[in-house]
Amino acid sequence: MPGPPLEVADIIRAVAGSAAAVPGLVTSAAQSRVLRALAACRSAALGGHLDQCDRCSHRLISYNSCRNRHCPKCQAMARAEWFADRQRDLLPARYFHVVFTMPAELGPIALQNKKLLYDILFRAASQTLLEIAADPKHLGAKIGFVAVLHTWGQTLMHHPHVHCVVPGGGLSPHGERWIATRPNFLLPVKILSRVFRGKFLDYLGRTYRDGELCLTHSLAQLRKPGRFQALLADVRRKPWVVYAKPPVAGPEQVLAYLARYTHRVAIANSRLVCFKDGQVRFRYKDYAKAGKKRVMTLAATEFLRRFLMHVLPTGFVRIRHYGLLANRCRRGNVARCRELACDASVAHQPVADTDTPACRLRCPQCAVGTMVIIDRFTAARALTLTATAYWDSS
């Protein structure tokens, strides 16, 4: 009989004893907190509760989740809550997906200056979209969108990029009418790329001149006169990656599509194949080969090193709203856009999150009743608690 599915937490627990002996594996307090949280997630160490079916009285012990945003197991609930909150923000328009990517040459600087560089990435991408959309030569409208930071590629290497999901239209400069995009076109990608590059490098140059960048170890040479400017000149000569995916039509597709990006972590447990003899095997898509599915093998310590590269600074906001959807004015703007927009083919209506397991509270015994919490217990009590003892004492 096959055992329980492999999880990132299993690898963390197996390597935890030797983590301190691996130089450079854990480099920040935030990474240490993530390791502790994921290792304890849904285990007796966090306490739990006793559930009972309201139909057949079947009982089940459930342990508490760590609720860490880097935990593969804790994203389904966070995603469901976010999904419910965002339904009221849907606009009656087709949605476009635009991706802004930081060049690989600047990746090492970003790893030493995560908050600064990721903030610059957000700022440059958002200002580029807002300014080009407002230009009368293009759309000539005030737009709004959601931007989500991802820092990983399929093989867990550092690959910072921002996903922007943008409604296909916006308000005219004075807010008196809705201006829709063409059905399959948002904004010219080449212009977005050039403007994004200019803004990003301008902001990066300012942080360097103001002495805000941390440049140590392998980057210490960039502190020498002219070295940093030479790096900026080199990346300025290269084309930057900005691409737009085909539009997503209808609220059912938009929210499910967006939710997959907002609550994704560096690697899902479902991609893990096996963990044996200190080696981790996991599936990935090779986009250089048209997305062909492959399997990669890494030493467990290297696997965790790559995973920990994507731990964000404490308090860093990775889902941001801009323009018409900015938090301070979203409600009024959404109401105005709905009033003016008239694309009946994508009219707003409440939708269900079909990707989130609706049966998570269903009784596993009768499949009809709902599991209801009838008792809670602390970690101290959980460590000495057995299912038999619990049943006898209930």
Protein backbone atom coordinates (compact mmCIF):
# COMPACT_ATOMS: atom_id res chain seq x y z
CA MET A 1 0.00 0.00 0.00
CA PRO A 2 1.49 3.39 -0.95
CA GLY A 3 2.36 5.76 1.88
CA PRO A 4 1.12 9.34 2.32
CA PRO A 5 2.03 11.82 -0.46
CA LEU A 6 5.48 13.41 -0.21
CA GLU A 7 5.52 17.00 1.07
CA VAL A 8 8.08 19.80 1.26
CA ALA A 9 7.64 19.53 5.05
CA ASP A 10 8.99 15.95 4.95
CA ILE A 11 12.18 17.17 3.29
CA ILE A 12 12.54 20.03 5.77
CA ARG A 13 12.18 17.68 8.74
CA ALA A 14 14.70 15.25 7.27
CA VAL A 15 17.30 17.94 6.64
CA ALA A 16 16.59 20.03 9.75
CA GLY A 17 19.21 18.26 11.87
CA SER A 18 21.98 19.00 9.39
CA ALA A 19 20.78 22.42 8.21
CA ALA A 20 23.04 24.30 10.61
CA ALA A 21 26.04 22.40 9.25
CA VAL A 22 25.31 23.45 5.65
CA PRO A 23 26.95 26.86 5.01
CA GLY A 24 24.63 29.41 3.46
CA LEU A 25 21.49 27.25 3.58
CA VAL A 26 19.66 29.56 6.00
CA THR A 27 20.66 33.21 5.64
CA SER A 28 17.90 35.13 7.43
CA ALA A 29 15.54 35.01 10.38
CA ALA A 30 12.61 34.98 7.93
CA GLN A 31 13.93 31.77 6.35
CA SER A 32 14.31 30.16 9.78
CA ARG A 33 10.71 31.03 10.62
CA VAL A 34 9.49 29.53 7.36
CA LEU A 35 11.36 26.27 7.99
CA ARG A 36 9.91 25.98 11.51
CA ALA A 37 6.39 26.80 10.36
CA LEU A 38 6.35 24.36 7.44
CA ALA A 39 7.88 21.56 9.52
CA ALA A 40 5.17 21.96 12.18
CA CYS A 41 2.23 22.54 9.83
CA ARG A 42 -0.72 20.22 10.49
CA SER A 43 1.16 18.32 13.14
CA ALA A 44 0.67 17.90 16.88
CA ALA A 45 3.20 20.69 17.44
CA LEU A 46 0.54 23.28 16.58
CA GLY A 47 -2.39 21.73 18.44
CA GLY A 48 -5.64 20.94 16.74
CA HIS A 49 -9.31 20.12 17.06
CA LEU A 50 -11.72 17.21 17.10
CA ASP A 51 -14.27 17.14 14.28
CA GLN A 52 -17.51 15.18 14.32
CA CYS A 53 -19.90 14.48 11.46
CA ASP A 54 -23.34 15.99 12.01
CA ARG A 55 -24.92 12.97 10.30
CA CYS A 56 -23.10 9.77 11.22
CA SER A 57 -21.10 11.06 14.25
CA HIS A 58 -17.80 9.92 12.70
CA ARG A 59 -14.90 11.63 14.51
CA LEU A 60 -11.61 12.83 13.16
CA ILE A 61 -8.62 14.59 14.71
CA SER A 62 -7.32 17.52 12.65
CA TYR A 63 -4.13 19.42 13.41
CA ASN A 64 -3.83 23.16 12.92
CA SER A 65 -2.22 24.77 9.88
CA CYS A 66 0.77 27.09 10.11
CA ARG A 67 -0.92 29.62 7.74
CA ASN A 68 2.50 30.68 6.44
CA ARG A 69 2.26 32.22 2.98
CA HIS A 70 5.17 30.09 1.75
CA CYS A 71 3.53 26.81 2.80
CA PRO A 72 2.21 24.63 -0.05
CA LYS A 73 -0.48 23.15 2.23
CA CYS A 74 -1.91 26.42 3.53
CA GLN A 75 -2.73 28.19 0.28
CA ALA A 76 -6.08 26.54 -0.52
CA MET A 77 -7.89 28.26 2.37
CA ALA A 78 -6.16 31.60 1.80
CA ARG A 79 -7.01 31.34 -1.86
CA ALA A 80 -10.68 30.60 -1.12
CA GLU A 81 -10.93 33.62 1.20
CA TRP A 82 -9.24 35.88 -1.38
CA PHE A 83 -11.52 34.50 -4.11
CA ALA A 84 -14.64 35.41 -2.15
CA ASP A 85 -13.36 38.94 -1.45
CA ARG A 86 -12.48 39.64 -5.08
CA GLN A 87 -15.82 38.71 -6.64
CA ARG A 88 -17.18 42.17 -5.94
CA ASP A 89 -14.26 43.72 -7.89
CA LEU A 90 -14.95 41.97 -11.20
CA LEU A 91 -15.61 44.22 -14.18
CA PRO A 92 -17.73 43.34 -17.23
CA ALA A 93 -14.73 43.10 -19.55
CA ARG A 94 -12.27 40.67 -21.00
CA TYR A 95 -9.07 40.44 -18.98
CA PHE A 96 -5.49 40.47 -20.23
CA HIS A 97 -2.46 38.87 -18.58
CA VAL A 98 0.81 40.84 -18.89
CA VAL A 99 4.13 39.64 -17.43
CA PHE A 100 7.12 41.88 -16.63
CA THR A 101 10.43 40.09 -16.03
CA MET A 102 13.62 41.31 -14.37
CA PRO A 103 16.79 40.48 -16.39
CA ALA A 104 18.90 37.60 -15.08
CA GLU A 105 21.95 39.88 -14.82
CA LEU A 106 20.23 41.81 -12.01
CA GLY A 107 19.13 38.68 -10.12
CA PRO A 108 22.14 38.57 -7.77
CA ILE A 109 21.52 42.19 -6.75
CA ALA A 110 17.87 41.35 -6.08
CA LEU A 111 18.82 38.42 -3.82
CA GLN A 112 20.85 40.76 -1.60
CA ASN A 113 18.27 43.56 -1.79
CA LYS A 114 14.92 41.78 -2.06
CA LYS A 115 12.66 44.50 -0.71
CA LEU A 116 14.30 47.28 -2.71
CA LEU A 117 14.49 45.45 -6.04
CA TYR A 118 11.07 43.82 -5.82
CA ASP A 119 9.53 47.20 -4.95
CA ILE A 120 11.26 48.69 -8.00
CA LEU A 121 9.93 45.84 -10.14
CA PHE A 122 6.37 46.57 -8.98
CA ARG A 123 6.79 50.31 -9.40
CA ALA A 124 8.29 50.17 -12.89
CA ALA A 125 5.73 47.62 -14.16
CA SER A 126 2.69 49.42 -12.72
CA GLN A 127 3.74 52.89 -13.87
CA THR A 128 4.46 51.54 -17.35
CA LEU A 129 0.99 50.05 -17.71
CA LEU A 130 -0.78 53.10 -16.27
CA GLU A 131 1.13 55.63 -18.41
CA ILE A 132 0.94 53.78 -21.74
CA ALA A 133 -2.77 53.05 -21.22
CA ALA A 134 -3.44 56.73 -20.43
CA ASP A 135 -1.65 57.88 -23.60
CA PRO A 136 -4.27 58.97 -26.21
CA LYS A 137 -2.11 57.35 -28.91
CA HIS A 138 -2.86 53.97 -27.36
CA LEU A 139 -5.93 53.47 -25.14
CA GLY A 140 -6.38 56.92 -23.61
CA ALA A 141 -7.99 55.59 -20.45
CA LYS A 142 -7.45 55.16 -16.73
CA ILE A 143 -7.08 51.44 -16.10
CA GLY A 144 -6.82 49.24 -13.04
CA PHE A 145 -5.19 45.90 -12.44
CA VAL A 146 -3.89 43.36 -9.94
CA ALA A 147 -0.14 42.63 -9.85
CA VAL A 148 1.40 39.53 -8.25
CA LEU A 149 5.10 38.89 -7.64
CA HIS A 150 6.64 35.52 -8.43
CA THR A 151 10.36 34.97 -7.87
CA TRP A 152 10.84 31.43 -9.16
CA GLY A 153 11.11 29.43 -12.34
CA GLN A 154 10.08 25.80 -12.85
CA THR A 155 13.40 24.48 -11.51
CA LEU A 156 13.23 26.78 -8.44
CA MET A 157 15.98 29.05 -9.71
CA HIS A 158 15.68 32.78 -9.03
CA HIS A 159 13.47 34.37 -11.70
CA PRO A 160 11.68 37.52 -10.44
CA HIS A 161 8.68 38.60 -12.50
CA VAL A 162 5.33 40.30 -11.97
CA HIS A 163 2.03 38.96 -13.30
CA CYS A 164 -0.51 41.70 -14.06
CA VAL A 165 -4.15 40.82 -14.79
CA VAL A 166 -5.73 43.82 -16.49
CA PRO A 167 -9.38 44.44 -17.47
CA GLY A 168 -9.68 45.23 -21.17
CA GLY A 169 -10.68 48.85 -20.82
CA GLY A 170 -10.86 51.80 -18.49
CA LEU A 171 -12.46 55.15 -17.74
CA SER A 172 -11.97 58.17 -19.95
CA PRO A 173 -9.84 60.99 -18.43
CA HIS A 174 -12.89 62.71 -16.95
CA GLY A 175 -14.67 59.48 -16.02
CA GLU A 176 -17.67 60.09 -18.26
CA ARG A 177 -17.40 56.94 -20.40
CA TRP A 178 -15.90 53.46 -20.59
CA ILE A 179 -13.18 52.95 -23.20
CA ALA A 180 -12.81 49.31 -24.21
CA THR A 181 -9.72 47.76 -25.78
CA ARG A 182 -9.81 45.85 -29.02
CA PRO A 183 -10.99 42.24 -28.48
CA ASN A 184 -7.51 40.66 -28.64
CA PHE A 185 -5.17 43.58 -28.02
CA LEU A 186 -4.35 45.57 -24.89
CA LEU A 187 -1.20 47.65 -25.43
CA PRO A 188 1.87 47.35 -27.72
CA VAL A 189 4.34 44.99 -26.04
CA LYS A 190 7.46 46.55 -27.60
CA ILE A 191 6.59 49.96 -26.17
CA LEU A 192 5.78 48.44 -22.79
CA SER A 193 9.18 46.71 -22.79
CA ARG A 194 11.15 49.87 -23.60
CA VAL A 195 9.32 52.05 -21.07
CA PHE A 196 9.58 49.35 -18.38
CA ARG A 197 13.33 49.02 -18.97
CA GLY A 198 13.88 52.77 -18.73
CA LYS A 199 11.88 53.16 -15.53
CA PHE A 200 13.42 50.15 -13.82
CA LEU A 201 17.00 51.19 -14.56
CA ASP A 202 16.29 54.78 -13.56
CA TYR A 203 14.98 53.69 -10.15
CA LEU A 204 17.85 51.23 -9.70
CA GLY A 205 20.42 53.90 -10.54
CA ARG A 206 18.89 56.21 -7.93
CA THR A 207 19.10 53.61 -5.18
CA TYR A 208 22.77 53.05 -6.01
CA ARG A 209 23.58 56.78 -5.99
CA ASP A 210 21.75 57.15 -2.67
CA GLY A 211 23.82 54.34 -1.15
CA GLU A 212 20.79 52.16 -0.42
CA LEU A 213 22.00 48.98 -2.13
CA CYS A 214 23.76 46.20 -0.24
CA LEU A 215 26.61 44.93 -2.45
CA THR A 216 28.70 42.34 -0.60
CA HIS A 217 30.58 39.12 -1.29
CA SER A 218 30.51 38.42 -5.05
CA LEU A 219 28.89 41.82 -5.72
CA ALA A 220 31.53 43.86 -3.88
CA GLN A 221 33.25 44.65 -7.19
CA LEU A 222 30.20 46.69 -8.23
CA ARG A 223 31.18 49.28 -5.62
CA LYS A 224 34.27 50.16 -7.67
CA PRO A 225 34.00 53.36 -9.77
CA GLY A 226 32.22 52.77 -13.04
CA ARG A 227 31.41 49.07 -12.49
CA PHE A 228 27.77 49.54 -11.57
CA GLN A 229 27.20 52.03 -14.37
CA ALA A 230 28.76 49.56 -16.82
CA LEU A 231 26.32 46.88 -15.65
CA LEU A 232 23.36 49.21 -16.17
CA ALA A 233 24.64 50.16 -19.63
CA ASP A 234 24.97 46.48 -20.52
CA VAL A 235 21.41 45.54 -19.53
CA ARG A 236 20.06 48.71 -21.15
CA ARG A 237 21.31 47.51 -24.53
CA LYS A 238 19.34 44.27 -24.28
CA PRO A 239 15.62 43.75 -24.91
CA TRP A 240 13.62 43.18 -21.74
CA VAL A 241 10.97 40.49 -21.50
CA VAL A 242 7.39 41.77 -21.39
CA TYR A 243 4.72 39.56 -22.89
CA ALA A 244 0.95 39.41 -22.97
CA LYS A 245 -1.06 36.20 -22.96
CA PRO A 246 -4.36 35.80 -24.82
CA PRO A 247 -7.29 37.53 -23.10
CA VAL A 248 -9.44 35.68 -20.58
CA ALA A 249 -13.18 36.17 -21.12
CA GLY A 250 -15.84 35.97 -18.45
CA PRO A 251 -15.78 36.16 -14.65
CA GLU A 252 -15.75 32.38 -14.22
CA GLN A 253 -12.42 32.11 -15.99
CA VAL A 254 -10.88 35.35 -14.72
CA LEU A 255 -11.11 34.72 -10.99
CA ALA A 256 -10.06 31.08 -11.20
CA TYR A 257 -7.19 32.08 -13.50
CA LEU A 258 -6.04 34.91 -11.25
CA ALA A 259 -6.38 32.91 -8.03
CA ARG A 260 -3.95 30.32 -9.38
CA TYR A 261 -1.30 33.03 -9.60
CA THR A 262 -2.02 34.97 -6.40
CA HIS A 263 -1.60 32.01 -4.05
CA ARG A 264 1.04 29.98 -5.80
CA VAL A 265 4.23 29.09 -3.92
CA ALA A 266 7.66 28.16 -5.28
CA ILE A 267 6.73 24.49 -5.63
CA ALA A 268 3.53 22.55 -4.94
CA ASN A 269 3.65 19.23 -3.11
CA SER A 270 2.00 17.63 -6.13
CA ARG A 271 5.18 18.19 -8.16
CA LEU A 272 7.33 16.13 -5.80
CA VAL A 273 8.11 12.63 -7.11
CA CYS A 274 10.25 11.03 -4.40
CA PHE A 275 12.80 11.68 -1.65
CA LYS A 276 15.38 8.94 -1.21
CA ASP A 277 19.02 8.73 -0.13
CA GLY A 278 19.21 12.48 0.37
CA GLN A 279 17.98 13.19 -3.18
CA VAL A 280 14.76 14.96 -4.17
CA ARG A 281 13.11 14.32 -7.51
CA PHE A 282 10.41 16.68 -8.80
CA ARG A 283 8.54 17.40 -12.00
CA TYR A 284 8.96 20.60 -14.01
CA LYS A 285 8.05 22.02 -17.41
CA ASP A 286 10.94 22.70 -19.77
CA TYR A 287 9.76 25.83 -21.56
CA ALA A 288 12.86 25.75 -23.77
CA LYS A 289 11.37 22.53 -25.19
CA ALA A 290 7.78 23.75 -25.64
CA GLY A 291 6.79 23.00 -22.05
CA LYS A 292 7.81 19.34 -22.16
CA LYS A 293 7.43 17.69 -18.76
CA ARG A 294 10.67 16.49 -17.19
CA VAL A 295 11.97 15.30 -13.82
CA MET A 296 14.89 16.96 -12.01
CA THR A 297 16.99 15.44 -9.24
CA LEU A 298 18.64 17.62 -6.59
CA ALA A 299 20.38 16.98 -3.30
CA ALA A 300 17.96 17.75 -0.48
CA THR A 301 20.11 20.62 0.78
CA GLU A 302 20.26 22.17 -2.71
CA PHE A 303 16.50 21.72 -3.06
CA LEU A 304 15.93 23.60 0.21
CA ARG A 305 18.49 26.26 -0.71
CA ARG A 306 16.54 26.99 -3.88
CA PHE A 307 13.21 26.89 -2.02
CA LEU A 308 14.47 29.36 0.59
CA MET A 309 15.63 31.84 -2.08
CA HIS A 310 11.96 32.66 -2.56
CA VAL A 311 11.16 33.55 1.05
CA LEU A 312 10.04 37.16 0.97
CA PRO A 313 11.05 39.82 3.51
CA THR A 314 8.75 39.99 6.53
CA GLY A 315 5.74 42.16 5.78
CA PHE A 316 6.44 42.43 2.06
CA VAL A 317 3.19 42.77 0.05
CA ARG A 318 3.28 40.46 -2.98
CA ILE A 319 -0.29 41.11 -4.24
CA ARG A 320 -0.90 44.76 -5.12
CA HIS A 321 -3.75 46.71 -6.71
CA TYR A 322 -3.24 49.73 -8.97
CA GLY A 323 -5.15 52.44 -10.78
CA LEU A 324 -8.92 52.01 -10.69
CA LEU A 325 -8.49 48.97 -8.45
CA ALA A 326 -6.27 50.66 -5.86
CA ASN A 327 -7.53 49.97 -2.35
CA ARG A 328 -8.40 53.56 -1.44
CA CYS A 329 -10.83 54.09 -4.34
CA ARG A 330 -11.69 50.63 -5.65
CA ARG A 331 -15.34 50.39 -4.60
CA GLY A 332 -16.44 53.63 -6.26
CA ASN A 333 -14.41 53.01 -9.41
CA VAL A 334 -15.76 49.48 -9.85
CA ALA A 335 -19.35 50.73 -9.50
CA ARG A 336 -18.72 53.48 -12.06
CA CYS A 337 -17.09 51.09 -14.54
CA ARG A 338 -19.97 48.64 -14.27
CA GLU A 339 -22.42 51.46 -14.86
CA LEU A 340 -20.65 52.58 -18.04
CA ALA A 341 -19.39 49.30 -19.50
CA CYS A 342 -21.82 47.47 -21.75
CA ASP A 343 -20.16 44.20 -22.82
CA ALA A 344 -23.09 41.88 -22.15
CA SER A 345 -21.09 38.84 -23.26
CA VAL A 346 -19.04 39.06 -20.07
CA ALA A 347 -21.61 40.46 -17.64
CA HIS A 348 -20.78 40.27 -13.96
CA GLN A 349 -22.32 37.49 -11.91
CA PRO A 350 -21.28 35.65 -8.73
CA VAL A 351 -19.06 32.68 -9.49
CA ALA A 352 -17.89 29.67 -7.55
CA ASP A 353 -14.26 28.78 -7.00
CA THR A 354 -14.28 25.42 -8.72
CA ASP A 355 -10.56 24.86 -8.10
CA THR A 356 -10.89 24.91 -4.30
CA PRO A 357 -12.02 21.58 -2.85
CA ALA A 358 -15.61 22.14 -1.79
CA CYS A 359 -15.59 18.84 0.06
CA ARG A 360 -12.90 19.73 2.57
CA LEU A 361 -15.52 19.74 5.38
CA ARG A 362 -17.45 16.72 4.09
CA CYS A 363 -17.45 13.62 6.23
CA PRO A 364 -14.98 11.07 4.79
CA GLN A 365 -17.11 8.26 6.23
CA CYS A 366 -20.63 8.97 4.91
CA ALA A 367 -19.76 11.68 2.31
CA VAL A 368 -23.04 13.42 3.18
CA GLY A 369 -22.61 15.07 6.55
CA THR A 370 -20.45 18.04 7.45
CA MET A 371 -17.55 17.83 9.90
CA VAL A 372 -18.14 20.19 12.84
CA ILE A 373 -15.53 21.15 15.44
CA ILE A 374 -16.61 19.88 18.87
CA ASP A 375 -13.37 20.32 20.83
CA ARG A 376 -10.00 22.05 20.54
CA PHE A 377 -6.70 21.05 22.11
CA THR A 378 -3.32 22.70 22.60
CA ALA A 379 0.05 21.46 21.36
CA ALA A 380 0.95 20.25 24.85
CA ARG A 381 -2.18 18.15 25.04
CA ALA A 382 -1.83 16.93 21.45
CA LEU A 383 1.63 15.50 22.08
CA THR A 384 0.24 13.07 24.65
CA LEU A 385 -3.06 12.44 22.95
CA THR A 386 -3.91 9.27 21.04
CA ALA A 387 -7.05 8.65 19.04
CA THR A 388 -8.11 5.83 21.38
CA ALA A 389 -7.63 7.95 24.50
CA TYR A 390 -9.59 10.76 22.93
CA TRP A 391 -12.49 8.53 22.02
CA ASP A 392 -12.56 6.97 25.51
CA SER A 393 -12.58 10.36 27.20
CA SER A 394 -15.25 11.88 24.98
